[in-house]
Amino acid sequence: MTAADVVATLSSPLDSFKIINTGATIGAFTEDRASAISGVLGLRARMIPFHITIDAPTGKREIRVSIIDLPSLTPQAMEVVLYNSLIQANDSTGLELSPPGHHRSRWLRPFAHRRLVHSR
């Protein structure tokens, strides 16, 4: 849980939501049910440090993030971070990760079998 400043409220009969800017961490969620979520103020969520080093022609790039420690979500969260890191490294270094004549998102989608990444 984090403190938040509400920037805008978008109302809709189907699905209303708020756009926010997050602030400091103030607690951790302990339950997520269909009817409501529950948390404890002051509690710290269990996280796993995740470090990625990309060695590119323009130099090494290190990414350090914390991933949720929840067996049902940790592998997918790691895959998303890894995939986005590779895509970002490709965009910033000008590397061509796909063979000539192939669309990059179809070549570089190692986790698409889980439907985390969609190409159009």
PDB file of N, CA and C in Angstrom:
ATOM      1  N   MET A   1       0.843  -1.163   0.000  1.00  0.00           N
ATOM      2  CA  MET A   1       0.000   0.000   0.000  1.00  0.00           C
ATOM      3  C   MET A   1       0.893   1.232   0.000  1.00  0.00           C
ATOM      4  N   THR A   2       0.451   2.240  -0.747  1.00  0.00           N
ATOM      5  CA  THR A   2       1.195   3.493  -0.780  1.00  0.00           C
ATOM      6  C   THR A   2       0.244   4.659  -0.567  1.00  0.00           C
ATOM      7  N   ALA A   3       0.799   5.762  -0.137  1.00  0.00           N
ATOM      8  CA  ALA A   3       0.030   7.000  -0.096  1.00  0.00           C
ATOM      9  C   ALA A   3      -0.196   7.404  -1.546  1.00  0.00           C
ATOM     10  N   ALA A   4      -1.237   8.166  -1.825  1.00  0.00           N
ATOM     11  CA  ALA A   4      -1.524   8.529  -3.207  1.00  0.00           C
ATOM     12  C   ALA A   4      -2.194   9.887  -3.287  1.00  0.00           C
ATOM     13  N   ASP A   5      -1.942  10.578  -4.386  1.00  0.00           N
ATOM     14  CA  ASP A   5      -2.640  11.814  -4.723  1.00  0.00           C
ATOM     15  C   ASP A   5      -3.524  11.507  -5.924  1.00  0.00           C
ATOM     16  N   VAL A   6      -4.824  11.754  -5.802  1.00  0.00           N
ATOM     17  CA  VAL A   6      -5.758  11.502  -6.905  1.00  0.00           C
ATOM     18  C   VAL A   6      -5.647  12.647  -7.893  1.00  0.00           C
ATOM     19  N   VAL A   7      -5.313  12.300  -9.137  1.00  0.00           N
ATOM     20  CA  VAL A   7      -5.159  13.288 -10.202  1.00  0.00           C
ATOM     21  C   VAL A   7      -6.484  13.500 -10.925  1.00  0.00           C
ATOM     22  N   ALA A   8      -7.195  12.415 -11.183  1.00  0.00           N
ATOM     23  CA  ALA A   8      -8.472  12.508 -11.893  1.00  0.00           C
ATOM     24  C   ALA A   8      -9.326  11.300 -11.537  1.00  0.00           C
ATOM     25  N   THR A   9     -10.630  11.494 -11.618  1.00  0.00           N
ATOM     26  CA  THR A   9     -11.579  10.395 -11.446  1.00  0.00           C
ATOM     27  C   THR A   9     -12.334  10.232 -12.748  1.00  0.00           C
ATOM     28  N   LEU A  10     -12.298   9.037 -13.299  1.00  0.00           N
ATOM     29  CA  LEU A  10     -13.007   8.746 -14.539  1.00  0.00           C
ATOM     30  C   LEU A  10     -14.210   7.872 -14.185  1.00  0.00           C
ATOM     31  N   SER A  11     -15.383   8.451 -14.337  1.00  0.00           N
ATOM     32  CA  SER A  11     -16.589   7.712 -13.963  1.00  0.00           C
ATOM     33  C   SER A  11     -17.235   7.104 -15.195  1.00  0.00           C
ATOM     34  N   SER A  12     -17.787   5.937 -14.972  1.00  0.00           N
ATOM     35  CA  SER A  12     -18.461   5.196 -16.026  1.00  0.00           C
ATOM     36  C   SER A  12     -19.456   4.258 -15.369  1.00  0.00           C
ATOM     37  N   PRO A  13     -20.605   4.037 -15.990  1.00  0.00           N
ATOM     38  CA  PRO A  13     -21.553   3.084 -15.412  1.00  0.00           C
ATOM     39  C   PRO A  13     -20.993   1.661 -15.365  1.00  0.00           C
ATOM     40  N   LEU A  14     -20.022   1.359 -16.235  1.00  0.00           N
ATOM     41  CA  LEU A  14     -19.460   0.016 -16.290  1.00  0.00           C
ATOM     42  C   LEU A  14     -18.256  -0.173 -15.377  1.00  0.00           C
ATOM     43  N   ASP A  15     -17.350   0.818 -15.338  1.00  0.00           N
ATOM     44  CA  ASP A  15     -16.118   0.646 -14.571  1.00  0.00           C
ATOM     45  C   ASP A  15     -15.479   1.996 -14.278  1.00  0.00           C
ATOM     46  N   SER A  16     -15.752   2.561 -13.120  1.00  0.00           N
ATOM     47  CA  SER A  16     -15.140   3.828 -12.730  1.00  0.00           C
ATOM     48  C   SER A  16     -13.794   3.569 -12.079  1.00  0.00           C
ATOM     49  N   PHE A  17     -12.859   4.507 -12.236  1.00  0.00           N
ATOM     50  CA  PHE A  17     -11.564   4.369 -11.594  1.00  0.00           C
ATOM     51  C   PHE A  17     -10.909   5.724 -11.428  1.00  0.00           C
ATOM     52  N   LYS A  18      -9.863   5.763 -10.607  1.00  0.00           N
ATOM     53  CA  LYS A  18      -9.125   6.988 -10.338  1.00  0.00           C
ATOM     54  C   LYS A  18      -7.715   6.884 -10.924  1.00  0.00           C
ATOM     55  N   ILE A  19      -7.200   7.982 -11.412  1.00  0.00           N
ATOM     56  CA  ILE A  19      -5.809   8.075 -11.861  1.00  0.00           C
ATOM     57  C   ILE A  19      -5.049   8.749 -10.728  1.00  0.00           C
ATOM     58  N   ILE A  20      -3.957   8.098 -10.273  1.00  0.00           N
ATOM     59  CA  ILE A  20      -3.250   8.582  -9.091  1.00  0.00           C
ATOM     60  C   ILE A  20      -1.749   8.689  -9.328  1.00  0.00           C
ATOM     61  N   ASN A  21      -1.109   9.473  -8.496  1.00  0.00           N
ATOM     62  CA  ASN A  21       0.350   9.489  -8.365  1.00  0.00           C
ATOM     63  C   ASN A  21       0.654   8.831  -7.030  1.00  0.00           C
ATOM     64  N   THR A  22       1.474   7.772  -7.050  1.00  0.00           N
ATOM     65  CA  THR A  22       1.774   7.069  -5.798  1.00  0.00           C
ATOM     66  C   THR A  22       2.865   7.782  -5.017  1.00  0.00           C
ATOM     67  N   GLY A  23       2.836   7.577  -3.724  1.00  0.00           N
ATOM     68  CA  GLY A  23       3.824   8.176  -2.828  1.00  0.00           C
ATOM     69  C   GLY A  23       4.576   7.106  -2.064  1.00  0.00           C
ATOM     70  N   ALA A  24       4.868   7.390  -0.815  1.00  0.00           N
ATOM     71  CA  ALA A  24       5.648   6.483   0.033  1.00  0.00           C
ATOM     72  C   ALA A  24       4.841   5.230   0.395  1.00  0.00           C
ATOM     73  N   THR A  25       5.555   4.127   0.592  1.00  0.00           N
ATOM     74  CA  THR A  25       4.925   2.887   1.040  1.00  0.00           C
ATOM     75  C   THR A  25       4.461   3.052   2.482  1.00  0.00           C
ATOM     76  N   ILE A  26       3.201   2.694   2.737  1.00  0.00           N
ATOM     77  CA  ILE A  26       2.650   2.873   4.087  1.00  0.00           C
ATOM     78  C   ILE A  26       2.167   1.564   4.714  1.00  0.00           C
ATOM     79  N   GLY A  27       2.177   0.481   3.954  1.00  0.00           N
ATOM     80  CA  GLY A  27       1.706  -0.790   4.490  1.00  0.00           C
ATOM     81  C   GLY A  27       1.745  -1.871   3.435  1.00  0.00           C
ATOM     82  N   ALA A  28       1.117  -3.002   3.732  1.00  0.00           N
ATOM     83  CA  ALA A  28       1.107  -4.136   2.808  1.00  0.00           C
ATOM     84  C   ALA A  28      -0.278  -4.771   2.802  1.00  0.00           C
ATOM     85  N   PHE A  29      -0.689  -5.214   1.616  1.00  0.00           N
ATOM     86  CA  PHE A  29      -1.950  -5.938   1.511  1.00  0.00           C
ATOM     87  C   PHE A  29      -1.748  -7.343   2.058  1.00  0.00           C
ATOM     88  N   THR A  30      -2.753  -7.827   2.770  1.00  0.00           N
ATOM     89  CA  THR A  30      -2.668  -9.169   3.342  1.00  0.00           C
ATOM     90  C   THR A  30      -3.688 -10.121   2.736  1.00  0.00           C
ATOM     91  N   GLU A  31      -4.768  -9.594   2.168  1.00  0.00           N
ATOM     92  CA  GLU A  31      -5.782 -10.430   1.536  1.00  0.00           C
ATOM     93  C   GLU A  31      -6.366  -9.714   0.330  1.00  0.00           C
ATOM     94  N   ASP A  32      -6.722 -10.504  -0.677  1.00  0.00           N
ATOM     95  CA  ASP A  32      -7.357  -9.983  -1.873  1.00  0.00           C
ATOM     96  C   ASP A  32      -8.500 -10.930  -2.219  1.00  0.00           C
ATOM     97  N   ARG A  33      -9.699 -10.494  -1.951  1.00  0.00           N
ATOM     98  CA  ARG A  33     -10.880 -11.328  -2.184  1.00  0.00           C
ATOM     99  C   ARG A  33     -11.772 -10.662  -3.221  1.00  0.00           C
ATOM    100  N   ALA A  34     -12.767 -11.365  -3.673  1.00  0.00           N
ATOM    101  CA  ALA A  34     -13.686 -10.823  -4.673  1.00  0.00           C
ATOM    102  C   ALA A  34     -14.444  -9.606  -4.148  1.00  0.00           C
ATOM    103  N   SER A  35     -14.750  -9.595  -2.863  1.00  0.00           N
ATOM    104  CA  SER A  35     -15.563  -8.513  -2.307  1.00  0.00           C
ATOM    105  C   SER A  35     -14.748  -7.329  -1.792  1.00  0.00           C
ATOM    106  N   ALA A  36     -13.486  -7.549  -1.409  1.00  0.00           N
ATOM    107  CA  ALA A  36     -12.686  -6.463  -0.838  1.00  0.00           C
ATOM    108  C   ALA A  36     -11.228  -6.895  -0.696  1.00  0.00           C
ATOM    109  N   ILE A  37     -10.362  -5.909  -0.431  1.00  0.00           N
ATOM    110  CA  ILE A  37      -8.963  -6.187  -0.109  1.00  0.00           C
ATOM    111  C   ILE A  37      -8.720  -5.756   1.331  1.00  0.00           C
ATOM    112  N   SER A  38      -7.688  -6.344   1.936  1.00  0.00           N
ATOM    113  CA  SER A  38      -7.366  -6.023   3.324  1.00  0.00           C
ATOM    114  C   SER A  38      -5.862  -5.825   3.434  1.00  0.00           C
ATOM    115  N   GLY A  39      -5.447  -4.940   4.318  1.00  0.00           N
ATOM    116  CA  GLY A  39      -4.029  -4.702   4.518  1.00  0.00           C
ATOM    117  C   GLY A  39      -3.743  -4.220   5.919  1.00  0.00           C
ATOM    118  N   VAL A  40      -2.461  -4.115   6.230  1.00  0.00           N
ATOM    119  CA  VAL A  40      -2.024  -3.666   7.548  1.00  0.00           C
ATOM    120  C   VAL A  40      -1.069  -2.491   7.354  1.00  0.00           C
ATOM    121  N   LEU A  41      -1.394  -1.359   7.980  1.00  0.00           N
ATOM    122  CA  LEU A  41      -0.512  -0.193   7.914  1.00  0.00           C
ATOM    123  C   LEU A  41       0.782  -0.491   8.659  1.00  0.00           C
ATOM    124  N   GLY A  42       1.904  -0.083   8.105  1.00  0.00           N
ATOM    125  CA  GLY A  42       3.206  -0.282   8.733  1.00  0.00           C
ATOM    126  C   GLY A  42       3.864  -1.612   8.397  1.00  0.00           C
ATOM    127  N   LEU A  43       3.130  -2.560   7.838  1.00  0.00           N
ATOM    128  CA  LEU A  43       3.689  -3.860   7.473  1.00  0.00           C
ATOM    129  C   LEU A  43       4.436  -3.751   6.145  1.00  0.00           C
ATOM    130  N   ARG A  44       5.557  -4.445   6.027  1.00  0.00           N
ATOM    131  CA  ARG A  44       6.331  -4.448   4.769  1.00  0.00           C
ATOM    132  C   ARG A  44       6.038  -5.737   4.010  1.00  0.00           C
ATOM    133  N   ALA A  45       5.769  -5.626   2.736  1.00  0.00           N
ATOM    134  CA  ALA A  45       5.512  -6.804   1.903  1.00  0.00           C
ATOM    135  C   ALA A  45       6.812  -7.567   1.685  1.00  0.00           C
ATOM    136  N   ARG A  46       6.718  -8.913   1.587  1.00  0.00           N
ATOM    137  CA  ARG A  46       7.897  -9.731   1.288  1.00  0.00           C
ATOM    138  C   ARG A  46       8.244  -9.555  -0.184  1.00  0.00           C
ATOM    139  N   MET A  47       9.471  -9.169  -0.446  1.00  0.00           N
ATOM    140  CA  MET A  47       9.927  -8.931  -1.818  1.00  0.00           C
ATOM    141  C   MET A  47      11.210  -9.709  -2.074  1.00  0.00           C
ATOM    142  N   ILE A  48      11.463  -9.995  -3.351  1.00  0.00           N
ATOM    143  CA  ILE A  48      12.677 -10.698  -3.771  1.00  0.00           C
ATOM    144  C   ILE A  48      13.499  -9.730  -4.624  1.00  0.00           C
ATOM    145  N   PRO A  49      14.761  -9.468  -4.251  1.00  0.00           N
ATOM    146  CA  PRO A  49      15.590  -8.600  -5.103  1.00  0.00           C
ATOM    147  C   PRO A  49      15.894  -9.316  -6.422  1.00  0.00           C
ATOM    148  N   PHE A  50      15.771  -8.593  -7.524  1.00  0.00           N
ATOM    149  CA  PHE A  50      15.967  -9.156  -8.862  1.00  0.00           C
ATOM    150  C   PHE A  50      16.911  -8.217  -9.612  1.00  0.00           C
ATOM    151  N   HIS A  51      18.079  -8.732  -9.994  1.00  0.00           N
ATOM    152  CA  HIS A  51      19.100  -7.926 -10.663  1.00  0.00           C
ATOM    153  C   HIS A  51      19.331  -8.484 -12.067  1.00  0.00           C
ATOM    154  N   ILE A  52      19.327  -7.596 -13.053  1.00  0.00           N
ATOM    155  CA  ILE A  52      19.568  -7.977 -14.441  1.00  0.00           C
ATOM    156  C   ILE A  52      20.742  -7.147 -14.941  1.00  0.00           C
ATOM    157  N   THR A  53      21.705  -7.797 -15.591  1.00  0.00           N
ATOM    158  CA  THR A  53      22.818  -7.088 -16.222  1.00  0.00           C
ATOM    159  C   THR A  53      22.762  -7.385 -17.707  1.00  0.00           C
ATOM    160  N   ILE A  54      22.704  -6.330 -18.512  1.00  0.00           N
ATOM    161  CA  ILE A  54      22.684  -6.468 -19.966  1.00  0.00           C
ATOM    162  C   ILE A  54      24.006  -5.947 -20.486  1.00  0.00           C
ATOM    163  N   ASP A  55      24.741  -6.796 -21.180  1.00  0.00           N
ATOM    164  CA  ASP A  55      26.035  -6.428 -21.740  1.00  0.00           C
ATOM    165  C   ASP A  55      25.826  -6.127 -23.221  1.00  0.00           C
ATOM    166  N   ALA A  56      25.786  -4.844 -23.564  1.00  0.00           N
ATOM    167  CA  ALA A  56      25.527  -4.398 -24.937  1.00  0.00           C
ATOM    168  C   ALA A  56      26.750  -3.681 -25.477  1.00  0.00           C
ATOM    169  N   PRO A  57      26.817  -3.460 -26.783  1.00  0.00           N
ATOM    170  CA  PRO A  57      27.959  -2.746 -27.369  1.00  0.00           C
ATOM    171  C   PRO A  57      28.159  -1.350 -26.785  1.00  0.00           C
ATOM    172  N   THR A  58      27.087  -0.734 -26.307  1.00  0.00           N
ATOM    173  CA  THR A  58      27.202   0.607 -25.724  1.00  0.00           C
ATOM    174  C   THR A  58      27.619   0.570 -24.264  1.00  0.00           C
ATOM    175  N   GLY A  59      27.784  -0.628 -23.702  1.00  0.00           N
ATOM    176  CA  GLY A  59      28.204  -0.774 -22.314  1.00  0.00           C
ATOM    177  C   GLY A  59      27.235  -1.596 -21.501  1.00  0.00           C
ATOM    178  N   LYS A  60      27.633  -1.874 -20.274  1.00  0.00           N
ATOM    179  CA  LYS A  60      26.780  -2.657 -19.379  1.00  0.00           C
ATOM    180  C   LYS A  60      25.651  -1.795 -18.840  1.00  0.00           C
ATOM    181  N   ARG A  61      24.534  -2.432 -18.677  1.00  0.00           N
ATOM    182  CA  ARG A  61      23.374  -1.766 -18.092  1.00  0.00           C
ATOM    183  C   ARG A  61      22.822  -2.663 -17.001  1.00  0.00           C
ATOM    184  N   GLU A  62      22.617  -2.107 -15.819  1.00  0.00           N
ATOM    185  CA  GLU A  62      22.110  -2.897 -14.704  1.00  0.00           C
ATOM    186  C   GLU A  62      20.723  -2.417 -14.313  1.00  0.00           C
ATOM    187  N   ILE A  63      19.842  -3.376 -14.113  1.00  0.00           N
ATOM    188  CA  ILE A  63      18.486  -3.091 -13.680  1.00  0.00           C
ATOM    189  C   ILE A  63      18.284  -3.808 -12.350  1.00  0.00           C
ATOM    190  N   ARG A  64      17.810  -3.084 -11.363  1.00  0.00           N
ATOM    191  CA  ARG A  64      17.556  -3.663 -10.042  1.00  0.00           C
ATOM    192  C   ARG A  64      16.113  -3.354  -9.663  1.00  0.00           C
ATOM    193  N   VAL A  65      15.350  -4.408  -9.422  1.00  0.00           N
ATOM    194  CA  VAL A  65      13.953  -4.252  -9.025  1.00  0.00           C
ATOM    195  C   VAL A  65      13.652  -5.212  -7.882  1.00  0.00           C
ATOM    196  N   SER A  66      12.536  -5.008  -7.242  1.00  0.00           N
ATOM    197  CA  SER A  66      12.042  -5.933  -6.230  1.00  0.00           C
ATOM    198  C   SER A  66      10.771  -6.571  -6.767  1.00  0.00           C
ATOM    199  N   ILE A  67      10.703  -7.891  -6.667  1.00  0.00           N
ATOM    200  CA  ILE A  67       9.570  -8.661  -7.185  1.00  0.00           C
ATOM    201  C   ILE A  67       8.778  -9.210  -6.004  1.00  0.00           C
ATOM    202  N   ILE A  68       7.475  -9.237  -6.144  1.00  0.00           N
ATOM    203  CA  ILE A  68       6.605  -9.772  -5.098  1.00  0.00           C
ATOM    204  C   ILE A  68       6.953 -11.233  -4.797  1.00  0.00           C
ATOM    205  N   ASP A  69       6.990 -11.574  -3.532  1.00  0.00           N
ATOM    206  CA  ASP A  69       7.278 -12.950  -3.110  1.00  0.00           C
ATOM    207  C   ASP A  69       5.953 -13.683  -2.911  1.00  0.00           C
ATOM    208  N   LEU A  70       5.383 -14.126  -4.015  1.00  0.00           N
ATOM    209  CA  LEU A  70       4.109 -14.836  -4.016  1.00  0.00           C
ATOM    210  C   LEU A  70       4.186 -15.906  -5.101  1.00  0.00           C
ATOM    211  N   PRO A  71       4.267 -17.171  -4.718  1.00  0.00           N
ATOM    212  CA  PRO A  71       4.523 -18.236  -5.692  1.00  0.00           C
ATOM    213  C   PRO A  71       3.624 -18.218  -6.926  1.00  0.00           C
ATOM    214  N   SER A  72       2.390 -17.768  -6.788  1.00  0.00           N
ATOM    215  CA  SER A  72       1.490 -17.760  -7.941  1.00  0.00           C
ATOM    216  C   SER A  72       1.768 -16.611  -8.908  1.00  0.00           C
ATOM    217  N   LEU A  73       2.491 -15.581  -8.478  1.00  0.00           N
ATOM    218  CA  LEU A  73       2.751 -14.424  -9.347  1.00  0.00           C
ATOM    219  C   LEU A  73       4.221 -14.142  -9.631  1.00  0.00           C
ATOM    220  N   THR A  74       5.130 -14.627  -8.788  1.00  0.00           N
ATOM    221  CA  THR A  74       6.552 -14.297  -8.940  1.00  0.00           C
ATOM    222  C   THR A  74       7.112 -14.664 -10.317  1.00  0.00           C
ATOM    223  N   PRO A  75       6.893 -15.875 -10.841  1.00  0.00           N
ATOM    224  CA  PRO A  75       7.483 -16.204 -12.148  1.00  0.00           C
ATOM    225  C   PRO A  75       7.000 -15.281 -13.275  1.00  0.00           C
ATOM    226  N   GLN A  76       5.708 -14.978 -13.292  1.00  0.00           N
ATOM    227  CA  GLN A  76       5.197 -14.098 -14.332  1.00  0.00           C
ATOM    228  C   GLN A  76       5.734 -12.675 -14.184  1.00  0.00           C
ATOM    229  N   ALA A  77       5.853 -12.188 -12.952  1.00  0.00           N
ATOM    230  CA  ALA A  77       6.394 -10.847 -12.734  1.00  0.00           C
ATOM    231  C   ALA A  77       7.847 -10.777 -13.196  1.00  0.00           C
ATOM    232  N   MET A  78       8.632 -11.824 -12.922  1.00  0.00           N
ATOM    233  CA  MET A  78      10.028 -11.857 -13.374  1.00  0.00           C
ATOM    234  C   MET A  78      10.104 -11.877 -14.895  1.00  0.00           C
ATOM    235  N   GLU A  79       9.226 -12.631 -15.534  1.00  0.00           N
ATOM    236  CA  GLU A  79       9.224 -12.691 -16.998  1.00  0.00           C
ATOM    237  C   GLU A  79       8.920 -11.329 -17.604  1.00  0.00           C
ATOM    238  N   VAL A  80       7.962 -10.615 -17.037  1.00  0.00           N
ATOM    239  CA  VAL A  80       7.600  -9.294 -17.552  1.00  0.00           C
ATOM    240  C   VAL A  80       8.769  -8.326 -17.404  1.00  0.00           C
ATOM    241  N   VAL A  81       9.429  -8.325 -16.250  1.00  0.00           N
ATOM    242  CA  VAL A  81      10.576  -7.435 -16.027  1.00  0.00           C
ATOM    243  C   VAL A  81      11.712  -7.776 -16.996  1.00  0.00           C
ATOM    244  N   LEU A  82      12.013  -9.054 -17.153  1.00  0.00           N
ATOM    245  CA  LEU A  82      13.079  -9.472 -18.056  1.00  0.00           C
ATOM    246  C   LEU A  82      12.763  -9.090 -19.492  1.00  0.00           C
ATOM    247  N   TYR A  83      11.566  -9.381 -19.942  1.00  0.00           N
ATOM    248  CA  TYR A  83      11.161  -9.055 -21.309  1.00  0.00           C
ATOM    249  C   TYR A  83      11.255  -7.547 -21.563  1.00  0.00           C
ATOM    250  N   ASN A  84      10.706  -6.741 -20.647  1.00  0.00           N
ATOM    251  CA  ASN A  84      10.750  -5.294 -20.825  1.00  0.00           C
ATOM    252  C   ASN A  84      12.175  -4.756 -20.792  1.00  0.00           C
ATOM    253  N   SER A  85      13.038  -5.359 -19.983  1.00  0.00           N
ATOM    254  CA  SER A  85      14.447  -4.938 -19.938  1.00  0.00           C
ATOM    255  C   SER A  85      15.128  -5.199 -21.271  1.00  0.00           C
ATOM    256  N   LEU A  86      14.862  -6.361 -21.870  1.00  0.00           N
ATOM    257  CA  LEU A  86      15.456  -6.684 -23.168  1.00  0.00           C
ATOM    258  C   LEU A  86      14.931  -5.773 -24.272  1.00  0.00           C
ATOM    259  N   ILE A  87      13.645  -5.510 -24.262  1.00  0.00           N
ATOM    260  CA  ILE A  87      13.060  -4.615 -25.262  1.00  0.00           C
ATOM    261  C   ILE A  87      13.627  -3.211 -25.109  1.00  0.00           C
ATOM    262  N   GLN A  88      13.721  -2.729 -23.875  1.00  0.00           N
ATOM    263  CA  GLN A  88      14.259  -1.394 -23.636  1.00  0.00           C
ATOM    264  C   GLN A  88      15.726  -1.312 -24.052  1.00  0.00           C
ATOM    265  N   ALA A  89      16.495  -2.354 -23.768  1.00  0.00           N
ATOM    266  CA  ALA A  89      17.905  -2.371 -24.170  1.00  0.00           C
ATOM    267  C   ALA A  89      18.012  -2.358 -25.684  1.00  0.00           C
ATOM    268  N   ASN A  90      17.158  -3.081 -26.355  1.00  0.00           N
ATOM    269  CA  ASN A  90      17.161  -3.110 -27.810  1.00  0.00           C
ATOM    270  C   ASN A  90      16.828  -1.737 -28.374  1.00  0.00           C
ATOM    271  N   ASP A  91      15.832  -1.065 -27.817  1.00  0.00           N
ATOM    272  CA  ASP A  91      15.436   0.251 -28.309  1.00  0.00           C
ATOM    273  C   ASP A  91      16.510   1.297 -28.066  1.00  0.00           C
ATOM    274  N   SER A  92      17.206   1.226 -26.920  1.00  0.00           N
ATOM    275  CA  SER A  92      18.170   2.264 -26.581  1.00  0.00           C
ATOM    276  C   SER A  92      19.543   2.043 -27.216  1.00  0.00           C
ATOM    277  N   THR A  93      19.881   0.807 -27.596  1.00  0.00           N
ATOM    278  CA  THR A  93      21.207   0.556 -28.157  1.00  0.00           C
ATOM    279  C   THR A  93      21.197   0.445 -29.662  1.00  0.00           C
ATOM    280  N   GLY A  94      20.008   0.301 -30.246  1.00  0.00           N
ATOM    281  CA  GLY A  94      19.940   0.145 -31.685  1.00  0.00           C
ATOM    282  C   GLY A  94      20.302  -1.258 -32.132  1.00  0.00           C
ATOM    283  N   LEU A  95      20.372  -2.207 -31.203  1.00  0.00           N
ATOM    284  CA  LEU A  95      20.679  -3.582 -31.572  1.00  0.00           C
ATOM    285  C   LEU A  95      19.532  -4.169 -32.384  1.00  0.00           C
ATOM    286  N   GLU A  96      19.843  -5.020 -33.312  1.00  0.00           N
ATOM    287  CA  GLU A  96      18.821  -5.726 -34.064  1.00  0.00           C
ATOM    288  C   GLU A  96      18.758  -7.141 -33.525  1.00  0.00           C
ATOM    289  N   LEU A  97      17.729  -7.443 -32.750  1.00  0.00           N
ATOM    290  CA  LEU A  97      17.618  -8.753 -32.138  1.00  0.00           C
ATOM    291  C   LEU A  97      16.853  -9.739 -33.007  1.00  0.00           C
ATOM    292  N   SER A  98      16.255  -9.260 -34.071  1.00  0.00           N
ATOM    293  CA  SER A  98      15.520 -10.164 -34.946  1.00  0.00           C
ATOM    294  C   SER A  98      16.290 -10.357 -36.243  1.00  0.00           C
ATOM    295  N   PRO A  99      16.149 -11.519 -36.874  1.00  0.00           N
ATOM    296  CA  PRO A  99      16.824 -11.726 -38.147  1.00  0.00           C
ATOM    297  C   PRO A  99      16.208 -10.835 -39.214  1.00  0.00           C
ATOM    298  N   PRO A 100      16.941 -10.514 -40.282  1.00  0.00           N
ATOM    299  CA  PRO A 100      16.402  -9.653 -41.333  1.00  0.00           C
ATOM    300  C   PRO A 100      15.083 -10.208 -41.873  1.00  0.00           C
ATOM    301  N   GLY A 101      14.111  -9.311 -42.061  1.00  0.00           N
ATOM    302  CA  GLY A 101      12.832  -9.707 -42.616  1.00  0.00           C
ATOM    303  C   GLY A 101      11.812 -10.181 -41.603  1.00  0.00           C
ATOM    304  N   HIS A 102      12.178 -10.261 -40.324  1.00  0.00           N
ATOM    305  CA  HIS A 102      11.237 -10.703 -39.298  1.00  0.00           C
ATOM    306  C   HIS A 102      10.845  -9.526 -38.426  1.00  0.00           C
ATOM    307  N   HIS A 103       9.581  -9.509 -38.019  1.00  0.00           N
ATOM    308  CA  HIS A 103       9.099  -8.467 -37.115  1.00  0.00           C
ATOM    309  C   HIS A 103       9.613  -8.758 -35.710  1.00  0.00           C
ATOM    310  N   ARG A 104      10.186  -7.748 -35.047  1.00  0.00           N
ATOM    311  CA  ARG A 104      10.823  -7.939 -33.752  1.00  0.00           C
ATOM    312  C   ARG A 104       9.908  -8.572 -32.718  1.00  0.00           C
ATOM    313  N   SER A 105       8.646  -8.126 -32.608  1.00  0.00           N
ATOM    314  CA  SER A 105       7.804  -8.648 -31.536  1.00  0.00           C
ATOM    315  C   SER A 105       7.444 -10.109 -31.748  1.00  0.00           C
ATOM    316  N   ARG A 106       7.538 -10.601 -32.978  1.00  0.00           N
ATOM    317  CA  ARG A 106       7.267 -12.013 -33.198  1.00  0.00           C
ATOM    318  C   ARG A 106       8.498 -12.861 -32.934  1.00  0.00           C
ATOM    319  N   TRP A 107       9.683 -12.287 -33.103  1.00  0.00           N
ATOM    320  CA  TRP A 107      10.922 -13.025 -32.861  1.00  0.00           C
ATOM    321  C   TRP A 107      11.284 -13.029 -31.388  1.00  0.00           C
ATOM    322  N   LEU A 108      11.194 -11.871 -30.746  1.00  0.00           N
ATOM    323  CA  LEU A 108      11.615 -11.726 -29.351  1.00  0.00           C
ATOM    324  C   LEU A 108      10.396 -11.709 -28.434  1.00  0.00           C
ATOM    325  N   ARG A 109       9.757 -12.833 -28.280  1.00  0.00           N
ATOM    326  CA  ARG A 109       8.687 -12.947 -27.309  1.00  0.00           C
ATOM    327  C   ARG A 109       8.757 -14.316 -26.653  1.00  0.00           C
ATOM    328  N   PRO A 110       9.750 -14.488 -25.812  1.00  0.00           N
ATOM    329  CA  PRO A 110       9.969 -15.801 -25.208  1.00  0.00           C
ATOM    330  C   PRO A 110       8.853 -16.245 -24.274  1.00  0.00           C
ATOM    331  N   PHE A 111       7.994 -15.327 -23.852  1.00  0.00           N
ATOM    332  CA  PHE A 111       6.972 -15.691 -22.888  1.00  0.00           C
ATOM    333  C   PHE A 111       5.578 -15.564 -23.471  1.00  0.00           C
ATOM    334  N   ALA A 112       5.467 -15.436 -24.790  1.00  0.00           N
ATOM    335  CA  ALA A 112       4.167 -15.235 -25.417  1.00  0.00           C
ATOM    336  C   ALA A 112       3.250 -16.436 -25.229  1.00  0.00           C
ATOM    337  N   HIS A 113       3.828 -17.610 -25.006  1.00  0.00           N
ATOM    338  CA  HIS A 113       2.990 -18.789 -24.803  1.00  0.00           C
ATOM    339  C   HIS A 113       2.112 -18.654 -23.567  1.00  0.00           C
ATOM    340  N   ARG A 114       2.449 -17.728 -22.688  1.00  0.00           N
ATOM    341  CA  ARG A 114       1.629 -17.502 -21.498  1.00  0.00           C
ATOM    342  C   ARG A 114       0.700 -16.308 -21.682  1.00  0.00           C
ATOM    343  N   ARG A 115       0.672 -15.777 -22.871  1.00  0.00           N
ATOM    344  CA  ARG A 115      -0.171 -14.634 -23.225  1.00  0.00           C
ATOM    345  C   ARG A 115       0.125 -13.382 -22.400  1.00  0.00           C
ATOM    346  N   LEU A 116       1.391 -13.222 -22.028  1.00  0.00           N
ATOM    347  CA  LEU A 116       1.785 -11.984 -21.342  1.00  0.00           C
ATOM    348  C   LEU A 116       2.061 -10.877 -22.353  1.00  0.00           C
ATOM    349  N   VAL A 117       2.414 -11.260 -23.567  1.00  0.00           N
ATOM    350  CA  VAL A 117       2.787 -10.302 -24.596  1.00  0.00           C
ATOM    351  C   VAL A 117       1.940 -10.575 -25.816  1.00  0.00           C
ATOM    352  N   HIS A 118       1.356  -9.543 -26.354  1.00  0.00           N
ATOM    353  CA  HIS A 118       0.528  -9.703 -27.547  1.00  0.00           C
ATOM    354  C   HIS A 118       1.128  -8.886 -28.684  1.00  0.00           C
ATOM    355  N   SER A 119       1.213  -9.437 -29.862  1.00  0.00           N
ATOM    356  CA  SER A 119       1.653  -8.664 -31.019  1.00  0.00           C
ATOM    357  C   SER A 119       0.485  -8.517 -31.953  1.00  0.00           C
ATOM    358  N   ARG A 120       0.452  -7.413 -32.664  1.00  0.00           N
ATOM    359  CA  ARG A 120      -0.657  -7.176 -33.597  1.00  0.00           C
ATOM    360  C   ARG A 120      -0.136  -7.094 -34.999  1.00  0.00           C
TER     361      ARG A 120
END
